[in-house]
Amino acid sequence: MFENLSSRLSGVVKNLRGQSRLTEANIQDAMREVRMALLEADVALPVVKQFINDVKVRAQGHEVIGSLTPGQAVIGVVHEELTKLMGAQNDALNLAAVPPAVILMAGLQGAGKTTTSGKLAKLLKETQKKKILLVSTDVYRPAAIEQLKMLAGQLEVEWFPSDVGQKPVEIALAAHDYAKKHFHDVLIVDTAGRLAIDEALMAEIKALHGAVNPVETLFVVDAMQGQDAVNTAKAFNEALPLTGVILTKMDGDSRGGAALSVRHITGRPIKFLGTGEKLTGLEPFHPDRMAGRILGMGDVLSLIEDVQNSVDQEEALKMMKKVKSGKGFDLEDFKTQIQQMKKMGGMSALMDKLPGQVSQMANSQVTDKSVARIEGIINSMTPEERRKPELLKASRKRRIAAGAGVQVQEVNRLLKQFEETQKMMKQFSKGGMAKLMRGMSGMKGMLPGM
């Protein structure tokens, strides 16, 4: 996502290089390019007009100070205006209510409401230690009810039973009563969707809203819909007092226009971004960080948060002590690193948050498939071979390759990558962070698969 927009904006910066001052003429040229880039990204026309005007006003007359180039000055202004366009800061959920705090999930069929309900339950359970109750009022699709029940089981949160013979409002009221009596902190109500907006859908969702009086009414929308996503959000916002938006499928082949338009058009904040089918694929939306991703600056803060939330701290501490004691870094540790990355949503999710050039270089060599292949090779080794890679001679390599379903060259490549990572870990144990960073500059093996 945003790949085309990022490359177009990078082109704008290149065109401004070598000029000593931002003038009306070169700003005009730059803004023409930015306008085209935004329209191609499926950003709503009123949003594009407002955005270009705001950037123009602010960029005009900006002088080059010290090492700051005109390109950097424009990117600075564009970053600030993009952030403002998307909401300036993260709007967290407001759960300050007499328990249970009700969250109503609204949206069209196929937007990912049920999966997102599960993701949200996981997030609130793990980050805020909330006691959650999940309920589905989608009486038109038995599969949706069954899906939510299955998700609740995976998450080990309570699920309130419902079936197609009941009325949505009756289900919601019964679930609310149950949540109150059993001291649940949050009740998440998954509602029915339609393939398009219709009067029956809107009447039903309004009735549900009136019955359970939610503290949060979240509109779940597929980011891949582009302009349609914005129009749908606008229609729901007119029918319901929405408190926020969740954009799903942000890892898909979307051009990102919905993320840039929906706040401006509806006046409602984007609260979360959903990626993939995994229950870990929901993250708070930070406009400043998203602006950084769009401009190829990466999103290192979100990456750090992912590490803190996903990495087994006890395992990390154990590995650090092992490296410091001089016992070395073996293939079992290498495999543990890979598993920790998978917990963070896989390599593609991790790479998406790295700065532009680093991400492009890494993405060209690292894929979830290549990481899975590495794990398969290590799994084909005996515990002794993982502890002592020096044992791996030709015959053992052939056996491992056959077991993993790869060529012997793949095994050799993995061992080369492992050696480079091992060197880096030794540098870390001997010379601290400064030496480690110098060592990393010439190493492709710092991430498994590269």
Protein backbone atom coordinates (compact mmCIF):
# COMPACT_ATOMS: atom_id res chain seq x y z
CA MET A 1 0.00 0.00 0.00
CA PHE A 2 1.09 3.62 -0.67
CA GLU A 3 3.98 2.32 -2.82
CA ASN A 4 3.03 4.39 -5.87
CA LEU A 5 2.24 7.48 -3.80
CA SER A 6 5.60 7.18 -1.98
CA SER A 7 7.58 6.87 -5.23
CA ARG A 8 5.74 9.85 -6.79
CA LEU A 9 6.44 12.03 -3.76
CA SER A 10 10.11 10.94 -3.81
CA GLY A 11 10.20 12.15 -7.42
CA VAL A 12 8.92 15.57 -6.30
CA VAL A 13 11.84 15.86 -3.85
CA LYS A 14 14.39 14.88 -6.53
CA ASN A 15 13.07 17.57 -8.89
CA LEU A 16 13.59 20.22 -6.21
CA ARG A 17 17.19 19.25 -5.48
CA GLY A 18 19.87 21.76 -6.33
CA GLN A 19 17.58 24.79 -6.03
CA SER A 20 18.52 27.29 -3.36
CA ARG A 21 15.05 28.56 -2.58
CA LEU A 22 11.44 27.53 -2.80
CA THR A 23 9.74 29.86 -5.28
CA GLU A 24 6.17 30.17 -6.46
CA ALA A 25 7.13 28.52 -9.75
CA ASN A 26 8.87 25.43 -8.34
CA ILE A 27 6.23 25.01 -5.62
CA GLN A 28 3.56 25.16 -8.35
CA ASP A 29 5.35 22.38 -10.28
CA ALA A 30 5.81 20.29 -7.15
CA MET A 31 2.18 20.68 -6.12
CA ARG A 32 1.02 19.60 -9.58
CA GLU A 33 2.95 16.34 -9.08
CA VAL A 34 1.63 15.90 -5.54
CA ARG A 35 -1.93 16.49 -6.78
CA MET A 36 -1.55 13.81 -9.48
CA ALA A 37 -0.04 11.40 -6.95
CA LEU A 38 -2.95 11.89 -4.54
CA LEU A 39 -5.60 11.48 -7.25
CA GLU A 40 -3.92 8.29 -8.46
CA ALA A 41 -3.99 7.04 -4.85
CA ASP A 42 -7.79 7.42 -4.97
CA VAL A 43 -7.95 10.32 -2.52
CA ALA A 44 -11.27 12.20 -2.69
CA LEU A 45 -11.12 15.35 -4.86
CA PRO A 46 -12.30 17.82 -2.15
CA VAL A 47 -9.57 16.45 0.13
CA VAL A 48 -6.92 16.85 -2.57
CA LYS A 49 -7.93 20.47 -3.26
CA GLN A 50 -7.86 21.42 0.44
CA PHE A 51 -4.57 19.61 1.03
CA ILE A 52 -2.75 21.18 -1.95
CA ASN A 53 -3.96 24.63 -0.95
CA ASP A 54 -2.75 24.19 2.67
CA VAL A 55 0.69 22.91 1.59
CA LYS A 56 1.07 25.74 -0.95
CA VAL A 57 0.34 28.44 1.61
CA ARG A 58 2.79 26.98 4.09
CA ALA A 59 5.60 26.15 1.61
CA GLN A 60 5.65 29.53 -0.14
CA GLY A 61 8.77 31.49 0.73
CA HIS A 62 10.37 28.79 2.91
CA GLU A 63 14.10 29.57 2.87
CA VAL A 64 16.83 26.97 2.80
CA ILE A 65 18.59 27.00 6.17
CA GLY A 66 21.95 25.26 6.64
CA SER A 67 21.85 21.81 5.10
CA LEU A 68 18.09 21.87 4.54
CA THR A 69 17.29 21.55 0.86
CA PRO A 70 14.10 22.75 -0.86
CA GLY A 71 13.09 19.08 -1.25
CA GLN A 72 13.42 18.48 2.49
CA ALA A 73 11.50 21.66 3.24
CA VAL A 74 8.59 20.54 1.05
CA ILE A 75 8.62 17.03 2.55
CA GLY A 76 8.54 18.60 6.03
CA VAL A 77 5.48 20.65 5.14
CA VAL A 78 3.80 17.72 3.34
CA HIS A 79 4.44 15.46 6.37
CA GLU A 80 2.85 17.96 8.76
CA GLU A 81 -0.16 18.54 6.50
CA LEU A 82 -0.67 14.80 5.88
CA THR A 83 -0.63 14.27 9.64
CA LYS A 84 -3.17 17.06 10.14
CA LEU A 85 -5.35 15.67 7.32
CA MET A 86 -5.51 12.23 8.97
CA GLY A 87 -6.27 13.58 12.42
CA ALA A 88 -3.07 14.91 14.06
CA GLN A 89 -2.96 12.25 16.79
CA ASN A 90 -4.24 8.82 17.75
CA ASP A 91 -7.79 8.77 19.14
CA ALA A 92 -7.95 5.93 21.64
CA LEU A 93 -11.14 4.08 22.53
CA ASN A 94 -13.19 5.78 25.21
CA LEU A 95 -14.31 3.00 27.56
CA ALA A 96 -15.08 5.30 30.50
CA ALA A 97 -18.58 4.03 31.23
CA VAL A 98 -20.42 1.95 33.80
CA PRO A 99 -19.51 -1.65 32.86
CA PRO A 100 -20.11 -3.18 30.47
CA ALA A 101 -18.83 -0.59 28.00
CA VAL A 102 -20.53 -1.51 24.71
CA ILE A 103 -18.66 -1.37 21.38
CA LEU A 104 -20.96 -1.61 18.33
CA MET A 105 -19.28 -2.80 15.12
CA ALA A 106 -20.96 -1.52 11.93
CA GLY A 107 -20.15 -1.86 8.22
CA LEU A 108 -20.93 -3.61 4.96
CA GLN A 109 -20.68 -7.36 4.40
CA GLY A 110 -17.14 -8.48 3.59
CA ALA A 111 -15.43 -5.52 5.28
CA GLY A 112 -14.05 -7.80 7.99
CA LYS A 113 -16.30 -6.91 10.96
CA THR A 114 -16.27 -10.36 12.57
CA THR A 115 -12.50 -10.85 12.32
CA THR A 116 -11.96 -7.27 13.52
CA SER A 117 -14.26 -7.91 16.52
CA GLY A 118 -11.97 -10.80 17.46
CA LYS A 119 -8.82 -8.72 16.93
CA LEU A 120 -10.22 -5.92 19.07
CA ALA A 121 -11.14 -8.38 21.84
CA LYS A 122 -7.56 -9.70 21.82
CA LEU A 123 -6.10 -6.18 21.91
CA LEU A 124 -8.27 -5.06 24.84
CA LYS A 125 -7.73 -8.29 26.75
CA GLU A 126 -3.94 -8.20 26.40
CA THR A 127 -3.16 -4.49 26.58
CA GLN A 128 -5.85 -3.29 29.01
CA LYS A 129 -6.63 -6.54 30.86
CA LYS A 130 -10.34 -6.20 30.12
CA LYS A 131 -12.87 -8.98 30.62
CA ILE A 132 -14.58 -9.27 27.22
CA LEU A 133 -17.90 -10.70 26.03
CA LEU A 134 -18.41 -11.23 22.29
CA VAL A 135 -21.85 -11.50 20.66
CA SER A 136 -23.05 -11.72 17.04
CA THR A 137 -26.41 -10.25 15.94
CA ASP A 138 -25.91 -11.36 12.33
CA VAL A 139 -28.97 -13.64 12.13
CA TYR A 140 -28.78 -13.72 8.31
CA ARG A 141 -25.47 -15.60 8.19
CA PRO A 142 -25.10 -18.61 10.52
CA ALA A 143 -21.44 -18.82 9.41
CA ALA A 144 -20.75 -15.38 10.92
CA ILE A 145 -22.12 -16.51 14.31
CA GLU A 146 -20.04 -19.69 14.13
CA GLN A 147 -16.94 -17.72 13.13
CA LEU A 148 -17.24 -15.41 16.15
CA LYS A 149 -17.74 -18.41 18.44
CA MET A 150 -14.55 -19.98 17.02
CA LEU A 151 -12.58 -16.74 17.44
CA ALA A 152 -13.77 -16.41 21.06
CA GLY A 153 -12.50 -19.95 21.70
CA GLN A 154 -9.09 -19.15 20.21
CA LEU A 155 -8.83 -15.97 22.26
CA GLU A 156 -10.15 -17.59 25.45
CA VAL A 157 -12.78 -14.85 25.87
CA GLU A 158 -16.45 -15.46 26.57
CA TRP A 159 -18.98 -15.75 23.73
CA PHE A 160 -22.70 -15.12 24.12
CA PRO A 161 -24.73 -17.66 22.05
CA SER A 162 -27.18 -16.49 19.39
CA ASP A 163 -29.00 -18.13 16.48
CA VAL A 164 -30.83 -17.27 13.26
CA GLY A 165 -34.27 -17.65 14.88
CA GLN A 166 -33.75 -14.66 17.16
CA LYS A 167 -34.13 -10.93 16.56
CA PRO A 168 -30.93 -8.81 16.60
CA VAL A 169 -32.18 -6.35 19.26
CA GLU A 170 -33.28 -9.21 21.55
CA ILE A 171 -29.83 -10.83 21.23
CA ALA A 172 -28.04 -7.57 22.01
CA LEU A 173 -30.21 -6.83 25.07
CA ALA A 174 -29.81 -10.37 26.43
CA ALA A 175 -26.01 -10.18 25.95
CA HIS A 176 -25.91 -6.79 27.67
CA ASP A 177 -27.87 -8.15 30.63
CA TYR A 178 -25.57 -11.20 30.84
CA ALA A 179 -22.42 -9.01 30.65
CA LYS A 180 -23.76 -6.81 33.46
CA LYS A 181 -24.58 -9.76 35.74
CA HIS A 182 -21.24 -11.48 35.10
CA PHE A 183 -19.08 -8.35 35.54
CA HIS A 184 -17.69 -8.07 32.01
CA ASP A 185 -15.80 -4.84 31.32
CA VAL A 186 -16.55 -4.70 27.59
CA LEU A 187 -19.30 -6.09 25.35
CA ILE A 188 -18.40 -6.19 21.64
CA VAL A 189 -21.49 -6.45 19.40
CA ASP A 190 -20.83 -7.74 15.86
CA THR A 191 -23.68 -6.66 13.56
CA ALA A 192 -25.01 -7.83 10.19
CA GLY A 193 -23.80 -6.28 6.96
CA ARG A 194 -25.20 -6.07 3.44
CA LEU A 195 -23.55 -6.03 0.05
CA ALA A 196 -24.73 -2.42 -0.26
CA ILE A 197 -26.38 0.21 1.92
CA ASP A 198 -30.14 -0.28 2.19
CA GLU A 199 -32.97 1.00 4.40
CA ALA A 200 -33.42 -2.31 6.23
CA LEU A 201 -29.74 -2.40 7.24
CA MET A 202 -29.80 1.17 8.50
CA ALA A 203 -33.07 0.68 10.41
CA GLU A 204 -31.67 -2.43 12.12
CA ILE A 205 -28.37 -0.83 13.12
CA LYS A 206 -30.19 2.25 14.45
CA ALA A 207 -32.45 0.00 16.54
CA LEU A 208 -29.41 -1.86 17.93
CA HIS A 209 -27.70 1.42 18.74
CA GLY A 210 -30.78 2.68 20.59
CA ALA A 211 -31.13 -0.59 22.53
CA VAL A 212 -27.57 -0.98 23.88
CA ASN A 213 -26.44 2.69 23.89
CA PRO A 214 -22.77 1.97 22.94
CA VAL A 215 -19.88 4.12 24.15
CA GLU A 216 -18.10 3.39 20.86
CA THR A 217 -19.77 2.92 17.46
CA LEU A 218 -17.02 1.84 15.10
CA PHE A 219 -17.41 1.74 11.34
CA VAL A 220 -15.37 -1.09 9.81
CA VAL A 221 -14.45 -0.41 6.18
CA ASP A 222 -12.34 -2.20 3.58
CA ALA A 223 -9.44 0.11 2.57
CA MET A 224 -9.31 -1.58 -0.84
CA GLN A 225 -12.64 0.03 -1.77
CA GLY A 226 -10.96 3.40 -2.34
CA GLN A 227 -13.53 6.11 -3.09
CA ASP A 228 -16.39 3.73 -2.25
CA ALA A 229 -14.99 3.34 1.26
CA VAL A 230 -15.32 7.08 1.83
CA ASN A 231 -18.86 7.23 0.39
CA THR A 232 -19.97 4.27 2.54
CA ALA A 233 -18.43 5.83 5.65
CA LYS A 234 -20.29 9.05 4.91
CA ALA A 235 -23.63 7.21 4.59
CA PHE A 236 -23.15 5.33 7.89
CA ASN A 237 -22.02 8.53 9.60
CA GLU A 238 -25.27 10.25 8.56
CA ALA A 239 -27.33 7.34 9.92
CA LEU A 240 -25.39 6.68 13.13
CA PRO A 241 -23.40 8.76 15.64
CA LEU A 242 -20.12 7.08 14.72
CA THR A 243 -17.24 7.54 17.14
CA GLY A 244 -14.50 6.17 14.90
CA VAL A 245 -13.40 4.17 11.86
CA ILE A 246 -11.38 0.96 11.50
CA LEU A 247 -9.70 0.51 8.12
CA THR A 248 -9.19 -3.17 7.26
CA LYS A 249 -7.10 -4.95 4.59
CA MET A 250 -4.43 -2.27 4.74
CA ASP A 251 -1.90 -4.88 3.62
CA GLY A 252 -3.83 -5.52 0.41
CA ASP A 253 -3.39 -3.98 -3.01
CA SER A 254 -5.00 -0.71 -1.96
CA ARG A 255 -3.81 2.70 -3.04
CA GLY A 256 -4.39 4.22 0.38
CA GLY A 257 -6.90 6.91 -0.62
CA ALA A 258 -9.39 5.86 2.07
CA ALA A 259 -6.84 6.43 4.85
CA LEU A 260 -6.23 9.97 3.60
CA SER A 261 -9.87 10.85 2.89
CA VAL A 262 -12.11 9.27 5.51
CA ARG A 263 -11.26 11.60 8.41
CA HIS A 264 -11.73 14.74 6.32
CA ILE A 265 -15.01 13.55 4.77
CA THR A 266 -16.70 12.12 7.90
CA GLY A 267 -15.08 14.18 10.64
CA ARG A 268 -14.61 10.89 12.53
CA PRO A 269 -11.15 9.64 13.57
CA ILE A 270 -9.51 6.50 12.24
CA LYS A 271 -8.89 4.52 15.44
CA PHE A 272 -7.34 1.30 14.15
CA LEU A 273 -5.75 -0.30 11.08
CA GLY A 274 -6.37 -3.96 10.30
CA THR A 275 -3.97 -6.15 8.35
CA GLY A 276 -4.24 -9.83 7.40
CA GLU A 277 -6.34 -12.58 8.94
CA LYS A 278 -4.14 -13.15 12.00
CA LEU A 279 -5.66 -11.98 15.28
CA THR A 280 -2.52 -9.92 15.96
CA GLY A 281 -3.20 -7.80 12.85
CA LEU A 282 -4.80 -4.75 14.47
CA GLU A 283 -2.86 -1.65 15.47
CA PRO A 284 -3.80 1.82 16.74
CA PHE A 285 -3.77 4.41 13.96
CA HIS A 286 -1.17 7.16 14.44
CA PRO A 287 -1.51 9.85 11.73
CA ASP A 288 2.07 11.10 12.14
CA ARG A 289 3.48 7.60 11.78
CA MET A 290 1.29 6.87 8.75
CA ALA A 291 2.48 10.12 7.15
CA GLY A 292 6.05 8.90 7.73
CA ARG A 293 5.27 5.59 6.00
CA ILE A 294 3.73 7.39 3.01
CA LEU A 295 6.80 9.61 2.64
CA GLY A 296 9.19 6.65 2.88
CA MET A 297 10.40 7.53 6.39
CA GLY A 298 9.18 4.26 7.88
CA ASP A 299 7.39 3.76 11.18
CA VAL A 300 10.05 2.78 13.66
CA LEU A 301 7.93 3.65 16.73
CA SER A 302 5.23 1.15 15.75
CA LEU A 303 7.95 -1.40 15.02
CA ILE A 304 9.37 -0.92 18.54
CA GLU A 305 5.88 -1.32 20.02
CA ASP A 306 5.41 -4.54 18.01
CA VAL A 307 8.69 -5.86 19.42
CA GLN A 308 7.72 -4.96 22.99
CA ASN A 309 4.30 -6.59 22.63
CA SER A 310 5.34 -9.69 20.69
CA VAL A 311 8.84 -10.64 21.76
CA ASP A 312 9.17 -13.07 24.65
CA GLN A 313 11.19 -10.90 27.07
CA GLU A 314 12.35 -13.93 29.08
CA GLU A 315 13.65 -15.61 25.90
CA ALA A 316 15.41 -12.40 24.81
CA LEU A 317 17.09 -12.03 28.22
CA LYS A 318 18.21 -15.67 28.13
CA MET A 319 19.75 -15.17 24.68
CA MET A 320 21.50 -11.97 25.76
CA LYS A 321 23.05 -13.72 28.79
CA LYS A 322 24.15 -16.60 26.58
CA VAL A 323 25.87 -14.27 24.09
CA LYS A 324 27.54 -12.27 26.89
CA SER A 325 28.81 -15.43 28.60
CA GLY A 326 30.65 -16.35 25.39
CA LYS A 327 28.71 -19.58 24.84
CA GLY A 328 27.86 -18.39 21.35
CA PHE A 329 24.84 -18.00 19.16
CA ASP A 330 23.66 -21.28 17.62
CA LEU A 331 21.07 -22.32 15.00
CA GLU A 332 18.48 -22.95 17.71
CA ASP A 333 18.79 -19.26 18.67
CA PHE A 334 18.58 -18.33 14.98
CA LYS A 335 15.31 -20.26 14.72
CA THR A 336 13.98 -18.52 17.86
CA GLN A 337 14.63 -15.15 16.19
CA ILE A 338 12.59 -16.25 13.16
CA GLN A 339 9.70 -17.37 15.38
CA GLN A 340 9.71 -14.00 17.17
CA MET A 341 9.45 -12.23 13.79
CA LYS A 342 6.48 -14.41 12.84
CA LYS A 343 4.72 -13.30 16.04
CA MET A 344 5.04 -9.71 14.83
CA GLY A 345 2.96 -10.51 11.73
CA GLY A 346 5.66 -11.92 9.47
CA MET A 347 8.43 -10.29 7.46
CA SER A 348 6.13 -8.30 5.16
CA ALA A 349 4.50 -6.53 8.15
CA LEU A 350 7.92 -5.82 9.65
CA MET A 351 9.41 -4.52 6.39
CA ASP A 352 6.44 -2.21 5.82
CA LYS A 353 7.51 -0.21 8.89
CA LEU A 354 11.15 0.24 7.88
CA PRO A 355 12.28 3.44 6.11
CA GLY A 356 11.82 3.44 2.32
CA GLN A 357 15.25 2.47 0.95
CA VAL A 358 15.92 -0.07 3.73
CA SER A 359 12.47 -1.61 3.22
CA GLN A 360 12.93 -1.85 -0.56
CA MET A 361 16.37 -3.46 -0.20
CA ALA A 362 15.10 -5.93 2.41
CA ASN A 363 11.86 -6.72 0.59
CA SER A 364 13.78 -7.65 -2.54
CA GLN A 365 15.52 -10.41 -0.59
CA VAL A 366 13.23 -11.31 2.32
CA THR A 367 9.79 -12.83 2.01
CA ASP A 368 7.59 -14.81 4.39
CA LYS A 369 8.18 -17.77 2.08
CA SER A 370 11.98 -17.53 2.35
CA VAL A 371 11.74 -17.23 6.14
CA ALA A 372 9.50 -20.34 6.29
CA ARG A 373 12.07 -22.17 4.14
CA ILE A 374 14.85 -21.29 6.60
CA GLU A 375 12.76 -22.59 9.48
CA GLY A 376 12.11 -25.81 7.56
CA ILE A 377 15.85 -26.35 6.98
CA ILE A 378 16.67 -25.85 10.67
CA ASN A 379 13.84 -28.22 11.66
CA SER A 380 15.45 -30.90 9.46
CA MET A 381 18.62 -30.78 11.58
CA THR A 382 19.25 -32.82 14.72
CA PRO A 383 19.48 -30.94 18.07
CA GLU A 384 23.24 -31.59 18.07
CA GLU A 385 23.65 -30.15 14.55
CA ARG A 386 21.79 -27.00 15.59
CA ARG A 387 24.11 -26.58 18.58
CA LYS A 388 27.27 -27.39 16.57
CA PRO A 389 26.89 -26.22 12.92
CA GLU A 390 30.53 -27.15 12.30
CA LEU A 391 29.36 -30.79 12.14
CA LEU A 392 27.48 -30.06 8.90
CA LYS A 393 29.58 -31.66 6.19
CA ALA A 394 28.45 -32.73 2.68
CA SER A 395 26.54 -35.91 3.61
CA ARG A 396 24.65 -34.23 6.46
CA LYS A 397 23.79 -31.27 4.23
CA ARG A 398 22.33 -33.63 1.60
CA ARG A 399 20.17 -35.33 4.27
CA ILE A 400 18.96 -31.96 5.62
CA ALA A 401 18.18 -30.64 2.12
CA ALA A 402 16.14 -33.78 1.32
CA GLY A 403 14.26 -33.49 4.63
CA ALA A 404 13.40 -29.83 4.01
CA GLY A 405 12.58 -30.34 0.31
CA VAL A 406 15.25 -27.88 -0.89
CA GLN A 407 18.53 -27.92 -2.83
CA VAL A 408 21.87 -28.30 -0.96
CA GLN A 409 22.71 -24.73 -2.13
CA GLU A 410 19.84 -23.46 0.07
CA VAL A 411 21.39 -25.16 3.12
CA ASN A 412 24.78 -23.58 2.29
CA ARG A 413 23.12 -20.17 1.90
CA LEU A 414 21.44 -20.49 5.29
CA LEU A 415 24.75 -21.44 6.97
CA LYS A 416 26.42 -18.39 5.38
CA GLN A 417 23.62 -16.13 6.68
CA PHE A 418 23.92 -17.75 10.10
CA GLU A 419 27.71 -17.15 10.19
CA GLU A 420 27.19 -13.46 9.43
CA THR A 421 24.57 -13.14 12.15
CA GLN A 422 26.90 -15.00 14.54
CA LYS A 423 29.70 -12.50 13.78
CA MET A 424 27.32 -9.65 14.53
CA MET A 425 26.33 -11.20 17.86
CA LYS A 426 30.00 -11.63 18.80
CA GLN A 427 30.64 -7.97 18.05
CA PHE A 428 27.72 -7.09 20.27
CA SER A 429 29.16 -9.11 23.18
CA LYS A 430 32.65 -7.60 22.76
CA GLY A 431 32.19 -4.00 21.73
CA GLY A 432 28.70 -2.81 22.61
CA MET A 433 26.18 -1.04 20.39
CA ALA A 434 28.54 1.30 18.49
CA LYS A 435 30.65 -1.63 17.25
CA LEU A 436 27.51 -3.61 16.46
CA MET A 437 26.13 -0.82 14.23
CA ARG A 438 29.45 -0.59 12.34
CA GLY A 439 29.40 -4.34 11.82
CA MET A 440 25.82 -4.33 10.61
CA SER A 441 26.59 -1.83 7.85
CA GLY A 442 28.33 -4.50 5.80
CA MET A 443 26.19 -7.47 6.73
CA LYS A 444 23.27 -8.82 4.78
CA GLY A 445 22.73 -11.59 7.33
CA MET A 446 21.37 -9.41 10.11
CA LEU A 447 17.83 -10.49 9.26
CA PRO A 448 17.14 -14.17 8.58
CA GLY A 449 16.56 -14.67 4.87
CA MET A 450 18.59 -11.71 3.63
